[in-house]
Amino acid sequence: MAAPSLFDGIRRAIEEFGLPPIALLVLVGVIRVVYGPQEAGLIYVGLTALILLGIYTRAKYWNVKYTFGVVVVGLGLWFGVPGVFPLLVPSPFAELGSFLALVSLIGLAMMLTNKA
C-alpha cells in the first residue's frame, strides 16, 4: 500500500474542516429540537473537541506531505468557508468550536514543522 499523498491530505482536510460531519449535524439538530439550543451547543463543543483530539492524536503517524495538505487546506477552509453551526447553536458555542478547530490546526502545523 502506497503512503498517503498530498492529495489524500487535501481530501482529508476538506472532509474534516470544510464539510462538517453529517452525523454531528444531525445529532446537534435533533438535540436542538428536543432539548434546546444551549444543550445542542454543549453537545457540539464536546463532540467537536473529541473529533479534533482524535485527528491530532492520529496525525503523529501521518507523513509530511499528507500533514502539509491537511494543514494548508484546513487553514484555508477555516479562514474562507463560513460554518453552518452558527445557525444551529448559540454564537458562543459556535465560536468556541471554531476556536478549537483553529487550535487543532495550529497544533498540526507545529507537528508538521517538527516532522520536516
PDB file of N, CA and C in Angstrom:
ATOM      1  N   MET A   1       0.845  -1.187   0.000  1.00  0.00           N
ATOM      2  CA  MET A   1       0.000   0.000   0.000  1.00  0.00           C
ATOM      3  C   MET A   1       0.884   1.242   0.000  1.00  0.00           C
ATOM      4  N   ALA A   2       0.583   2.160  -0.887  1.00  0.00           N
ATOM      5  CA  ALA A   2       1.374   3.380  -1.013  1.00  0.00           C
ATOM      6  C   ALA A   2       1.085   4.328   0.149  1.00  0.00           C
ATOM      7  N   ALA A   3       2.089   5.136   0.454  1.00  0.00           N
ATOM      8  CA  ALA A   3       1.937   6.133   1.517  1.00  0.00           C
ATOM      9  C   ALA A   3       0.928   7.188   1.081  1.00  0.00           C
ATOM     10  N   PRO A   4       0.181   7.742   2.024  1.00  0.00           N
ATOM     11  CA  PRO A   4      -0.774   8.797   1.674  1.00  0.00           C
ATOM     12  C   PRO A   4      -0.061   9.987   1.031  1.00  0.00           C
ATOM     13  N   SER A   5      -0.670  10.556   0.022  1.00  0.00           N
ATOM     14  CA  SER A   5      -0.070  11.655  -0.725  1.00  0.00           C
ATOM     15  C   SER A   5      -0.619  13.002  -0.262  1.00  0.00           C
ATOM     16  N   LEU A   6      -0.089  14.029  -0.899  1.00  0.00           N
ATOM     17  CA  LEU A   6      -0.556  15.387  -0.643  1.00  0.00           C
ATOM     18  C   LEU A   6      -2.048  15.503  -0.950  1.00  0.00           C
ATOM     19  N   PHE A   7      -2.479  14.887  -2.047  1.00  0.00           N
ATOM     20  CA  PHE A   7      -3.897  14.966  -2.435  1.00  0.00           C
ATOM     21  C   PHE A   7      -4.796  14.241  -1.441  1.00  0.00           C
ATOM     22  N   ASP A   8      -4.278  13.170  -0.831  1.00  0.00           N
ATOM     23  CA  ASP A   8      -5.040  12.498   0.219  1.00  0.00           C
ATOM     24  C   ASP A   8      -5.207  13.422   1.428  1.00  0.00           C
ATOM     25  N   GLY A   9      -4.165  14.196   1.743  1.00  0.00           N
ATOM     26  CA  GLY A   9      -4.243  15.159   2.838  1.00  0.00           C
ATOM     27  C   GLY A   9      -5.225  16.276   2.546  1.00  0.00           C
ATOM     28  N   ILE A  10      -5.256  16.719   1.288  1.00  0.00           N
ATOM     29  CA  ILE A  10      -6.206  17.764   0.892  1.00  0.00           C
ATOM     30  C   ILE A  10      -7.635  17.247   1.034  1.00  0.00           C
ATOM     31  N   ARG A  11      -7.865  16.025   0.566  1.00  0.00           N
ATOM     32  CA  ARG A  11      -9.198  15.426   0.688  1.00  0.00           C
ATOM     33  C   ARG A  11      -9.594  15.300   2.153  1.00  0.00           C
ATOM     34  N   ARG A  12      -8.659  14.905   3.002  1.00  0.00           N
ATOM     35  CA  ARG A  12      -8.941  14.754   4.434  1.00  0.00           C
ATOM     36  C   ARG A  12      -9.289  16.103   5.055  1.00  0.00           C
ATOM     37  N   ALA A  13      -8.569  17.152   4.679  1.00  0.00           N
ATOM     38  CA  ALA A  13      -8.850  18.490   5.214  1.00  0.00           C
ATOM     39  C   ALA A  13     -10.240  18.949   4.809  1.00  0.00           C
ATOM     40  N   ILE A  14     -10.618  18.677   3.573  1.00  0.00           N
ATOM     41  CA  ILE A  14     -11.959  19.071   3.124  1.00  0.00           C
ATOM     42  C   ILE A  14     -13.012  18.305   3.909  1.00  0.00           C
ATOM     43  N   GLU A  15     -12.776  17.020   4.130  1.00  0.00           N
ATOM     44  CA  GLU A  15     -13.735  16.203   4.882  1.00  0.00           C
ATOM     45  C   GLU A  15     -13.856  16.656   6.332  1.00  0.00           C
ATOM     46  N   GLU A  16     -12.753  17.001   6.951  1.00  0.00           N
ATOM     47  CA  GLU A  16     -12.757  17.312   8.379  1.00  0.00           C
ATOM     48  C   GLU A  16     -13.055  18.771   8.696  1.00  0.00           C
ATOM     49  N   PHE A  17     -12.541  19.686   7.876  1.00  0.00           N
ATOM     50  CA  PHE A  17     -12.663  21.109   8.202  1.00  0.00           C
ATOM     51  C   PHE A  17     -13.598  21.865   7.269  1.00  0.00           C
ATOM     52  N   GLY A  18     -13.825  21.369   6.077  1.00  0.00           N
ATOM     53  CA  GLY A  18     -14.697  22.061   5.127  1.00  0.00           C
ATOM     54  C   GLY A  18     -16.137  21.618   5.224  1.00  0.00           C
ATOM     55  N   LEU A  19     -16.332  20.340   5.293  1.00  0.00           N
ATOM     56  CA  LEU A  19     -17.678  19.773   5.385  1.00  0.00           C
ATOM     57  C   LEU A  19     -17.863  19.206   6.783  1.00  0.00           C
ATOM     58  N   PRO A  20     -18.783  19.751   7.543  1.00  0.00           N
ATOM     59  CA  PRO A  20     -18.966  19.206   8.889  1.00  0.00           C
ATOM     60  C   PRO A  20     -19.476  17.772   8.809  1.00  0.00           C
ATOM     61  N   PRO A  21     -19.051  16.934   9.740  1.00  0.00           N
ATOM     62  CA  PRO A  21     -19.541  15.552   9.733  1.00  0.00           C
ATOM     63  C   PRO A  21     -21.074  15.525   9.791  1.00  0.00           C
ATOM     64  N   ILE A  22     -21.663  14.767   8.889  1.00  0.00           N
ATOM     65  CA  ILE A  22     -23.118  14.699   8.775  1.00  0.00           C
ATOM     66  C   ILE A  22     -23.747  14.213  10.075  1.00  0.00           C
ATOM     67  N   ALA A  23     -23.130  13.219  10.699  1.00  0.00           N
ATOM     68  CA  ALA A  23     -23.673  12.686  11.952  1.00  0.00           C
ATOM     69  C   ALA A  23     -23.704  13.774  13.029  1.00  0.00           C
ATOM     70  N   LEU A  24     -22.676  14.618  13.064  1.00  0.00           N
ATOM     71  CA  LEU A  24     -22.638  15.705  14.047  1.00  0.00           C
ATOM     72  C   LEU A  24     -23.737  16.717  13.762  1.00  0.00           C
ATOM     73  N   LEU A  25     -23.940  17.052  12.498  1.00  0.00           N
ATOM     74  CA  LEU A  25     -25.014  17.983  12.131  1.00  0.00           C
ATOM     75  C   LEU A  25     -26.380  17.439  12.550  1.00  0.00           C
ATOM     76  N   VAL A  26     -26.620  16.177  12.248  1.00  0.00           N
ATOM     77  CA  VAL A  26     -27.908  15.571  12.575  1.00  0.00           C
ATOM     78  C   VAL A  26     -28.106  15.531  14.081  1.00  0.00           C
ATOM     79  N   LEU A  27     -27.086  15.079  14.811  1.00  0.00           N
ATOM     80  CA  LEU A  27     -27.204  14.979  16.260  1.00  0.00           C
ATOM     81  C   LEU A  27     -27.447  16.342  16.903  1.00  0.00           C
ATOM     82  N   VAL A  28     -26.700  17.344  16.489  1.00  0.00           N
ATOM     83  CA  VAL A  28     -26.880  18.689  17.049  1.00  0.00           C
ATOM     84  C   VAL A  28     -28.265  19.225  16.693  1.00  0.00           C
ATOM     85  N   GLY A  29     -28.713  18.978  15.469  1.00  0.00           N
ATOM     86  CA  GLY A  29     -30.050  19.415  15.078  1.00  0.00           C
ATOM     87  C   GLY A  29     -31.145  18.748  15.900  1.00  0.00           C
ATOM     88  N   VAL A  30     -31.010  17.457  16.143  1.00  0.00           N
ATOM     89  CA  VAL A  30     -32.002  16.729  16.950  1.00  0.00           C
ATOM     90  C   VAL A  30     -31.979  17.210  18.396  1.00  0.00           C
ATOM     91  N   ILE A  31     -30.783  17.379  18.953  1.00  0.00           N
ATOM     92  CA  ILE A  31     -30.672  17.869  20.335  1.00  0.00           C
ATOM     93  C   ILE A  31     -31.273  19.263  20.446  1.00  0.00           C
ATOM     94  N   ARG A  32     -31.074  20.098  19.433  1.00  0.00           N
ATOM     95  CA  ARG A  32     -31.655  21.450  19.453  1.00  0.00           C
ATOM     96  C   ARG A  32     -33.175  21.392  19.496  1.00  0.00           C
ATOM     97  N   VAL A  33     -33.765  20.524  18.699  1.00  0.00           N
ATOM     98  CA  VAL A  33     -35.227  20.419  18.644  1.00  0.00           C
ATOM     99  C   VAL A  33     -35.777  19.818  19.936  1.00  0.00           C
ATOM    100  N   VAL A  34     -35.127  18.776  20.431  1.00  0.00           N
ATOM    101  CA  VAL A  34     -35.656  18.049  21.584  1.00  0.00           C
ATOM    102  C   VAL A  34     -35.365  18.766  22.901  1.00  0.00           C
ATOM    103  N   TYR A  35     -34.133  19.245  23.081  1.00  0.00           N
ATOM    104  CA  TYR A  35     -33.731  19.805  24.370  1.00  0.00           C
ATOM    105  C   TYR A  35     -33.518  21.310  24.379  1.00  0.00           C
ATOM    106  N   GLY A  36     -33.132  21.885  23.238  1.00  0.00           N
ATOM    107  CA  GLY A  36     -32.921  23.322  23.168  1.00  0.00           C
ATOM    108  C   GLY A  36     -31.541  23.684  22.648  1.00  0.00           C
ATOM    109  N   PRO A  37     -31.349  24.961  22.342  1.00  0.00           N
ATOM    110  CA  PRO A  37     -30.090  25.397  21.729  1.00  0.00           C
ATOM    111  C   PRO A  37     -28.875  25.327  22.655  1.00  0.00           C
ATOM    112  N   GLN A  38     -29.067  25.579  23.947  1.00  0.00           N
ATOM    113  CA  GLN A  38     -27.924  25.529  24.872  1.00  0.00           C
ATOM    114  C   GLN A  38     -27.349  24.116  24.948  1.00  0.00           C
ATOM    115  N   GLU A  39     -28.236  23.141  25.066  1.00  0.00           N
ATOM    116  CA  GLU A  39     -27.800  21.759  25.148  1.00  0.00           C
ATOM    117  C   GLU A  39     -27.153  21.318  23.833  1.00  0.00           C
ATOM    118  N   ALA A  40     -27.726  21.763  22.715  1.00  0.00           N
ATOM    119  CA  ALA A  40     -27.141  21.461  21.410  1.00  0.00           C
ATOM    120  C   ALA A  40     -25.738  22.054  21.301  1.00  0.00           C
ATOM    121  N   GLY A  41     -25.570  23.260  21.825  1.00  0.00           N
ATOM    122  CA  GLY A  41     -24.249  23.894  21.823  1.00  0.00           C
ATOM    123  C   GLY A  41     -23.240  23.118  22.639  1.00  0.00           C
ATOM    124  N   LEU A  42     -23.651  22.639  23.798  1.00  0.00           N
ATOM    125  CA  LEU A  42     -22.740  21.837  24.633  1.00  0.00           C
ATOM    126  C   LEU A  42     -22.339  20.548  23.933  1.00  0.00           C
ATOM    127  N   ILE A  43     -23.302  19.882  23.329  1.00  0.00           N
ATOM    128  CA  ILE A  43     -23.016  18.653  22.586  1.00  0.00           C
ATOM    129  C   ILE A  43     -22.071  18.951  21.423  1.00  0.00           C
ATOM    130  N   TYR A  44     -22.335  20.033  20.719  1.00  0.00           N
ATOM    131  CA  TYR A  44     -21.490  20.419  19.586  1.00  0.00           C
ATOM    132  C   TYR A  44     -20.049  20.642  20.020  1.00  0.00           C
ATOM    133  N   VAL A  45     -19.850  21.417  21.074  1.00  0.00           N
ATOM    134  CA  VAL A  45     -18.484  21.710  21.527  1.00  0.00           C
ATOM    135  C   VAL A  45     -17.797  20.432  22.011  1.00  0.00           C
ATOM    136  N   GLY A  46     -18.504  19.619  22.771  1.00  0.00           N
ATOM    137  CA  GLY A  46     -17.910  18.382  23.285  1.00  0.00           C
ATOM    138  C   GLY A  46     -17.515  17.420  22.176  1.00  0.00           C
ATOM    139  N   LEU A  47     -18.408  17.201  21.233  1.00  0.00           N
ATOM    140  CA  LEU A  47     -18.092  16.273  20.147  1.00  0.00           C
ATOM    141  C   LEU A  47     -17.037  16.837  19.197  1.00  0.00           C
ATOM    142  N   THR A  48     -17.059  18.142  18.983  1.00  0.00           N
ATOM    143  CA  THR A  48     -16.021  18.760  18.160  1.00  0.00           C
ATOM    144  C   THR A  48     -14.656  18.572  18.799  1.00  0.00           C
ATOM    145  N   ALA A  49     -14.573  18.777  20.101  1.00  0.00           N
ATOM    146  CA  ALA A  49     -13.305  18.579  20.806  1.00  0.00           C
ATOM    147  C   ALA A  49     -12.832  17.132  20.679  1.00  0.00           C
ATOM    148  N   LEU A  50     -13.733  16.175  20.820  1.00  0.00           N
ATOM    149  CA  LEU A  50     -13.353  14.763  20.688  1.00  0.00           C
ATOM    150  C   LEU A  50     -12.875  14.438  19.273  1.00  0.00           C
ATOM    151  N   ILE A  51     -13.574  14.930  18.272  1.00  0.00           N
ATOM    152  CA  ILE A  51     -13.180  14.688  16.883  1.00  0.00           C
ATOM    153  C   ILE A  51     -11.803  15.276  16.609  1.00  0.00           C
ATOM    154  N   LEU A  52     -11.587  16.514  17.024  1.00  0.00           N
ATOM    155  CA  LEU A  52     -10.308  17.173  16.775  1.00  0.00           C
ATOM    156  C   LEU A  52      -9.171  16.516  17.557  1.00  0.00           C
ATOM    157  N   LEU A  53      -9.450  16.058  18.756  1.00  0.00           N
ATOM    158  CA  LEU A  53      -8.438  15.338  19.529  1.00  0.00           C
ATOM    159  C   LEU A  53      -8.062  14.036  18.826  1.00  0.00           C
ATOM    160  N   GLY A  54      -9.054  13.344  18.276  1.00  0.00           N
ATOM    161  CA  GLY A  54      -8.774  12.127  17.523  1.00  0.00           C
ATOM    162  C   GLY A  54      -7.908  12.392  16.299  1.00  0.00           C
ATOM    163  N   ILE A  55      -8.198  13.464  15.587  1.00  0.00           N
ATOM    164  CA  ILE A  55      -7.392  13.828  14.418  1.00  0.00           C
ATOM    165  C   ILE A  55      -5.968  14.131  14.848  1.00  0.00           C
ATOM    166  N   TYR A  56      -5.819  14.906  15.899  1.00  0.00           N
ATOM    167  CA  TYR A  56      -4.491  15.304  16.353  1.00  0.00           C
ATOM    168  C   TYR A  56      -3.673  14.093  16.812  1.00  0.00           C
ATOM    169  N   THR A  57      -4.289  13.176  17.529  1.00  0.00           N
ATOM    170  CA  THR A  57      -3.532  12.018  18.016  1.00  0.00           C
ATOM    171  C   THR A  57      -3.134  11.081  16.876  1.00  0.00           C
ATOM    172  N   ARG A  58      -3.950  10.989  15.833  1.00  0.00           N
ATOM    173  CA  ARG A  58      -3.583  10.153  14.682  1.00  0.00           C
ATOM    174  C   ARG A  58      -2.546  10.831  13.800  1.00  0.00           C
ATOM    175  N   ALA A  59      -2.427  12.139  13.879  1.00  0.00           N
ATOM    176  CA  ALA A  59      -1.539  12.885  12.980  1.00  0.00           C
ATOM    177  C   ALA A  59      -0.071  12.557  13.189  1.00  0.00           C
ATOM    178  N   LYS A  60       0.288  12.062  14.334  1.00  0.00           N
ATOM    179  CA  LYS A  60       1.712  11.744  14.545  1.00  0.00           C
ATOM    180  C   LYS A  60       2.177  10.615  13.635  1.00  0.00           C
ATOM    181  N   TYR A  61       1.250   9.849  13.068  1.00  0.00           N
ATOM    182  CA  TYR A  61       1.593   8.758  12.163  1.00  0.00           C
ATOM    183  C   TYR A  61       1.514   9.154  10.694  1.00  0.00           C
ATOM    184  N   TRP A  62       1.103  10.377  10.403  1.00  0.00           N
ATOM    185  CA  TRP A  62       0.984  10.835   9.027  1.00  0.00           C
ATOM    186  C   TRP A  62       2.350  11.228   8.483  1.00  0.00           C
ATOM    187  N   ASN A  63       2.524  11.075   7.164  1.00  0.00           N
ATOM    188  CA  ASN A  63       3.777  11.546   6.569  1.00  0.00           C
ATOM    189  C   ASN A  63       3.708  13.062   6.353  1.00  0.00           C
ATOM    190  N   VAL A  64       4.829  13.645   5.946  1.00  0.00           N
ATOM    191  CA  VAL A  64       4.938  15.105   5.836  1.00  0.00           C
ATOM    192  C   VAL A  64       3.994  15.660   4.762  1.00  0.00           C
ATOM    193  N   LYS A  65       3.931  15.004   3.596  1.00  0.00           N
ATOM    194  CA  LYS A  65       3.070  15.516   2.518  1.00  0.00           C
ATOM    195  C   LYS A  65       1.598  15.516   2.932  1.00  0.00           C
ATOM    196  N   TYR A  66       1.164  14.442   3.537  1.00  0.00           N
ATOM    197  CA  TYR A  66      -0.222  14.324   3.974  1.00  0.00           C
ATOM    198  C   TYR A  66      -0.536  15.399   5.017  1.00  0.00           C
ATOM    199  N   THR A  67       0.342  15.543   5.990  1.00  0.00           N
ATOM    200  CA  THR A  67       0.152  16.543   7.046  1.00  0.00           C
ATOM    201  C   THR A  67       0.128  17.946   6.452  1.00  0.00           C
ATOM    202  N   PHE A  68       1.018  18.206   5.509  1.00  0.00           N
ATOM    203  CA  PHE A  68       1.061  19.509   4.858  1.00  0.00           C
ATOM    204  C   PHE A  68      -0.268  19.808   4.157  1.00  0.00           C
ATOM    205  N   GLY A  69      -0.797  18.837   3.433  1.00  0.00           N
ATOM    206  CA  GLY A  69      -2.083  19.022   2.749  1.00  0.00           C
ATOM    207  C   GLY A  69      -3.198  19.334   3.720  1.00  0.00           C
ATOM    208  N   VAL A  70      -3.247  18.607   4.841  1.00  0.00           N
ATOM    209  CA  VAL A  70      -4.291  18.840   5.837  1.00  0.00           C
ATOM    210  C   VAL A  70      -4.162  20.234   6.442  1.00  0.00           C
ATOM    211  N   VAL A  71      -2.948  20.622   6.799  1.00  0.00           N
ATOM    212  CA  VAL A  71      -2.733  21.908   7.470  1.00  0.00           C
ATOM    213  C   VAL A  71      -3.036  23.081   6.541  1.00  0.00           C
ATOM    214  N   VAL A  72      -2.476  23.075   5.355  1.00  0.00           N
ATOM    215  CA  VAL A  72      -2.637  24.218   4.453  1.00  0.00           C
ATOM    216  C   VAL A  72      -4.088  24.373   4.010  1.00  0.00           C
ATOM    217  N   VAL A  73      -4.690  23.286   3.560  1.00  0.00           N
ATOM    218  CA  VAL A  73      -6.085  23.368   3.106  1.00  0.00           C
ATOM    219  C   VAL A  73      -7.015  23.605   4.294  1.00  0.00           C
ATOM    220  N   GLY A  74      -6.721  22.981   5.433  1.00  0.00           N
ATOM    221  CA  GLY A  74      -7.534  23.201   6.630  1.00  0.00           C
ATOM    222  C   GLY A  74      -7.534  24.660   7.061  1.00  0.00           C
ATOM    223  N   LEU A  75      -6.373  25.280   7.057  1.00  0.00           N
ATOM    224  CA  LEU A  75      -6.312  26.703   7.414  1.00  0.00           C
ATOM    225  C   LEU A  75      -7.041  27.563   6.383  1.00  0.00           C
ATOM    226  N   GLY A  76      -6.885  27.235   5.106  1.00  0.00           N
ATOM    227  CA  GLY A  76      -7.608  27.972   4.065  1.00  0.00           C
ATOM    228  C   GLY A  76      -9.112  27.859   4.241  1.00  0.00           C
ATOM    229  N   LEU A  77      -9.580  26.663   4.547  1.00  0.00           N
ATOM    230  CA  LEU A  77     -11.007  26.464   4.776  1.00  0.00           C
ATOM    231  C   LEU A  77     -11.474  27.170   6.041  1.00  0.00           C
ATOM    232  N   TRP A  78     -10.644  27.161   7.079  1.00  0.00           N
ATOM    233  CA  TRP A  78     -11.025  27.808   8.337  1.00  0.00           C
ATOM    234  C   TRP A  78     -11.232  29.304   8.118  1.00  0.00           C
ATOM    235  N   PHE A  79     -10.336  29.912   7.336  1.00  0.00           N
ATOM    236  CA  PHE A  79     -10.445  31.350   7.089  1.00  0.00           C
ATOM    237  C   PHE A  79     -11.472  31.694   6.020  1.00  0.00           C
ATOM    238  N   GLY A  80     -11.713  30.789   5.050  1.00  0.00           N
ATOM    239  CA  GLY A  80     -12.507  31.156   3.899  1.00  0.00           C
ATOM    240  C   GLY A  80     -13.924  30.625   3.823  1.00  0.00           C
ATOM    241  N   VAL A  81     -14.251  29.617   4.610  1.00  0.00           N
ATOM    242  CA  VAL A  81     -15.571  28.994   4.485  1.00  0.00           C
ATOM    243  C   VAL A  81     -16.378  29.246   5.754  1.00  0.00           C
ATOM    244  N   PRO A  82     -17.531  29.877   5.617  1.00  0.00           N
ATOM    245  CA  PRO A  82     -18.354  30.082   6.816  1.00  0.00           C
ATOM    246  C   PRO A  82     -18.939  28.755   7.288  1.00  0.00           C
ATOM    247  N   GLY A  83     -19.083  28.628   8.585  1.00  0.00           N
ATOM    248  CA  GLY A  83     -19.623  27.404   9.152  1.00  0.00           C
ATOM    249  C   GLY A  83     -21.143  27.408   9.204  1.00  0.00           C
ATOM    250  N   VAL A  84     -21.705  26.222   9.292  1.00  0.00           N
ATOM    251  CA  VAL A  84     -23.152  26.076   9.372  1.00  0.00           C
ATOM    252  C   VAL A  84     -23.622  26.049  10.831  1.00  0.00           C
ATOM    253  N   PHE A  85     -22.728  25.783  11.748  1.00  0.00           N
ATOM    254  CA  PHE A  85     -23.131  25.620  13.138  1.00  0.00           C
ATOM    255  C   PHE A  85     -23.657  26.889  13.806  1.00  0.00           C
ATOM    256  N   PRO A  86     -23.259  28.097  13.388  1.00  0.00           N
ATOM    257  CA  PRO A  86     -23.901  29.272  13.982  1.00  0.00           C
ATOM    258  C   PRO A  86     -25.413  29.324  13.746  1.00  0.00           C
ATOM    259  N   LEU A  87     -25.891  28.581  12.769  1.00  0.00           N
ATOM    260  CA  LEU A  87     -27.331  28.515  12.531  1.00  0.00           C
ATOM    261  C   LEU A  87     -28.019  27.534  13.474  1.00  0.00           C
ATOM    262  N   LEU A  88     -27.256  26.619  14.054  1.00  0.00           N
ATOM    263  CA  LEU A  88     -27.832  25.575  14.894  1.00  0.00           C
ATOM    264  C   LEU A  88     -27.639  25.799  16.387  1.00  0.00           C
ATOM    265  N   VAL A  89     -26.546  26.445  16.748  1.00  0.00           N
ATOM    266  CA  VAL A  89     -26.231  26.624  18.173  1.00  0.00           C
ATOM    267  C   VAL A  89     -25.999  28.101  18.452  1.00  0.00           C
ATOM    268  N   PRO A  90     -26.125  28.514  19.718  1.00  0.00           N
ATOM    269  CA  PRO A  90     -25.842  29.918  20.057  1.00  0.00           C
ATOM    270  C   PRO A  90     -24.404  30.305  19.687  1.00  0.00           C
ATOM    271  N   SER A  91     -24.241  31.564  19.380  1.00  0.00           N
ATOM    272  CA  SER A  91     -22.970  32.095  18.895  1.00  0.00           C
ATOM    273  C   SER A  91     -21.753  31.733  19.759  1.00  0.00           C
ATOM    274  N   PRO A  92     -21.820  31.829  21.090  1.00  0.00           N
ATOM    275  CA  PRO A  92     -20.622  31.486  21.870  1.00  0.00           C
ATOM    276  C   PRO A  92     -20.155  30.043  21.650  1.00  0.00           C
ATOM    277  N   PHE A  93     -21.091  29.122  21.491  1.00  0.00           N
ATOM    278  CA  PHE A  93     -20.726  27.730  21.256  1.00  0.00           C
ATOM    279  C   PHE A  93     -20.107  27.563  19.867  1.00  0.00           C
ATOM    280  N   ALA A  94     -20.682  28.233  18.877  1.00  0.00           N
ATOM    281  CA  ALA A  94     -20.143  28.163  17.518  1.00  0.00           C
ATOM    282  C   ALA A  94     -18.735  28.749  17.472  1.00  0.00           C
ATOM    283  N   GLU A  95     -18.525  29.870  18.160  1.00  0.00           N
ATOM    284  CA  GLU A  95     -17.199  30.491  18.190  1.00  0.00           C
ATOM    285  C   GLU A  95     -16.189  29.597  18.908  1.00  0.00           C
ATOM    286  N   LEU A  96     -16.610  28.958  19.994  1.00  0.00           N
ATOM    287  CA  LEU A  96     -15.717  28.050  20.716  1.00  0.00           C
ATOM    288  C   LEU A  96     -15.337  26.862  19.846  1.00  0.00           C
ATOM    289  N   GLY A  97     -16.289  26.301  19.112  1.00  0.00           N
ATOM    290  CA  GLY A  97     -15.983  25.208  18.192  1.00  0.00           C
ATOM    291  C   GLY A  97     -15.010  25.638  17.110  1.00  0.00           C
ATOM    292  N   SER A  98     -15.196  26.826  16.580  1.00  0.00           N
ATOM    293  CA  SER A  98     -14.293  27.368  15.572  1.00  0.00           C
ATOM    294  C   SER A  98     -12.899  27.590  16.150  1.00  0.00           C
ATOM    295  N   PHE A  99     -12.844  28.075  17.373  1.00  0.00           N
ATOM    296  CA  PHE A  99     -11.564  28.279  18.046  1.00  0.00           C
ATOM    297  C   PHE A  99     -10.846  26.947  18.266  1.00  0.00           C
ATOM    298  N   LEU A 100     -11.587  25.926  18.663  1.00  0.00           N
ATOM    299  CA  LEU A 100     -10.986  24.605  18.855  1.00  0.00           C
ATOM    300  C   LEU A 100     -10.407  24.075  17.543  1.00  0.00           C
ATOM    301  N   ALA A 101     -11.101  24.303  16.429  1.00  0.00           N
ATOM    302  CA  ALA A 101     -10.590  23.883  15.127  1.00  0.00           C
ATOM    303  C   ALA A 101      -9.291  24.624  14.797  1.00  0.00           C
ATOM    304  N   LEU A 102      -9.247  25.926  15.083  1.00  0.00           N
ATOM    305  CA  LEU A 102      -8.034  26.698  14.822  1.00  0.00           C
ATOM    306  C   LEU A 102      -6.882  26.208  15.689  1.00  0.00           C
ATOM    307  N   VAL A 103      -7.131  25.952  16.951  1.00  0.00           N
ATOM    308  CA  VAL A 103      -6.083  25.440  17.846  1.00  0.00           C
ATOM    309  C   VAL A 103      -5.573  24.095  17.333  1.00  0.00           C
ATOM    310  N   SER A 104      -6.487  23.251  16.884  1.00  0.00           N
ATOM    311  CA  SER A 104      -6.098  21.956  16.332  1.00  0.00           C
ATOM    312  C   SER A 104      -5.209  22.127  15.103  1.00  0.00           C
ATOM    313  N   LEU A 105      -5.587  23.023  14.210  1.00  0.00           N
ATOM    314  CA  LEU A 105      -4.785  23.264  13.010  1.00  0.00           C
ATOM    315  C   LEU A 105      -3.413  23.836  13.353  1.00  0.00           C
ATOM    316  N   ILE A 106      -3.347  24.705  14.335  1.00  0.00           N
ATOM    317  CA  ILE A 106      -2.057  25.248  14.760  1.00  0.00           C
ATOM    318  C   ILE A 106      -1.196  24.127  15.350  1.00  0.00           C
ATOM    319  N   GLY A 107      -1.812  23.253  16.135  1.00  0.00           N
ATOM    320  CA  GLY A 107      -1.086  22.110  16.668  1.00  0.00           C
ATOM    321  C   GLY A 107      -0.569  21.198  15.571  1.00  0.00           C
ATOM    322  N   LEU A 108      -1.382  20.966  14.549  1.00  0.00           N
ATOM    323  CA  LEU A 108      -0.929  20.163  13.408  1.00  0.00           C
ATOM    324  C   LEU A 108       0.204  20.852  12.653  1.00  0.00           C
ATOM    325  N   ALA A 109       0.130  22.178  12.528  1.00  0.00           N
ATOM    326  CA  ALA A 109       1.191  22.924  11.873  1.00  0.00           C
ATOM    327  C   ALA A 109       2.499  22.818  12.662  1.00  0.00           C
ATOM    328  N   MET A 110       2.422  22.877  13.976  1.00  0.00           N
ATOM    329  CA  MET A 110       3.623  22.716  14.789  1.00  0.00           C
ATOM    330  C   MET A 110       4.175  21.296  14.663  1.00  0.00           C
ATOM    331  N   MET A 111       3.279  20.321  14.593  1.00  0.00           N
ATOM    332  CA  MET A 111       3.705  18.945  14.397  1.00  0.00           C
ATOM    333  C   MET A 111       4.387  18.799  13.035  1.00  0.00           C
ATOM    334  N   LEU A 112       3.864  19.482  12.027  1.00  0.00           N
ATOM    335  CA  LEU A 112       4.442  19.445  10.685  1.00  0.00           C
ATOM    336  C   LEU A 112       5.863  20.002  10.700  1.00  0.00           C
ATOM    337  N   THR A 113       6.086  21.103  11.387  1.00  0.00           N
ATOM    338  CA  THR A 113       7.431  21.674  11.422  1.00  0.00           C
ATOM    339  C   THR A 113       8.399  20.736  12.127  1.00  0.00           C
ATOM    340  N   ASN A 114       7.943  19.979  13.103  1.00  0.00           N
ATOM    341  CA  ASN A 114       8.819  19.004  13.763  1.00  0.00           C
ATOM    342  C   ASN A 114       9.128  17.826  12.858  1.00  0.00           C
ATOM    343  N   LYS A 115       8.182  17.446  11.999  1.00  0.00           N
ATOM    344  CA  LYS A 115       8.399  16.345  11.064  1.00  0.00           C
ATOM    345  C   LYS A 115       9.327  16.720   9.940  1.00  0.00           C
ATOM    346  N   ALA A 116       9.239  17.975   9.507  1.00  0.00           N
ATOM    347  CA  ALA A 116      10.006  18.418   8.325  1.00  0.00           C
ATOM    348  C   ALA A 116      11.443  18.675   8.616  1.00  0.00           C
TER     349      ALA A 116
END
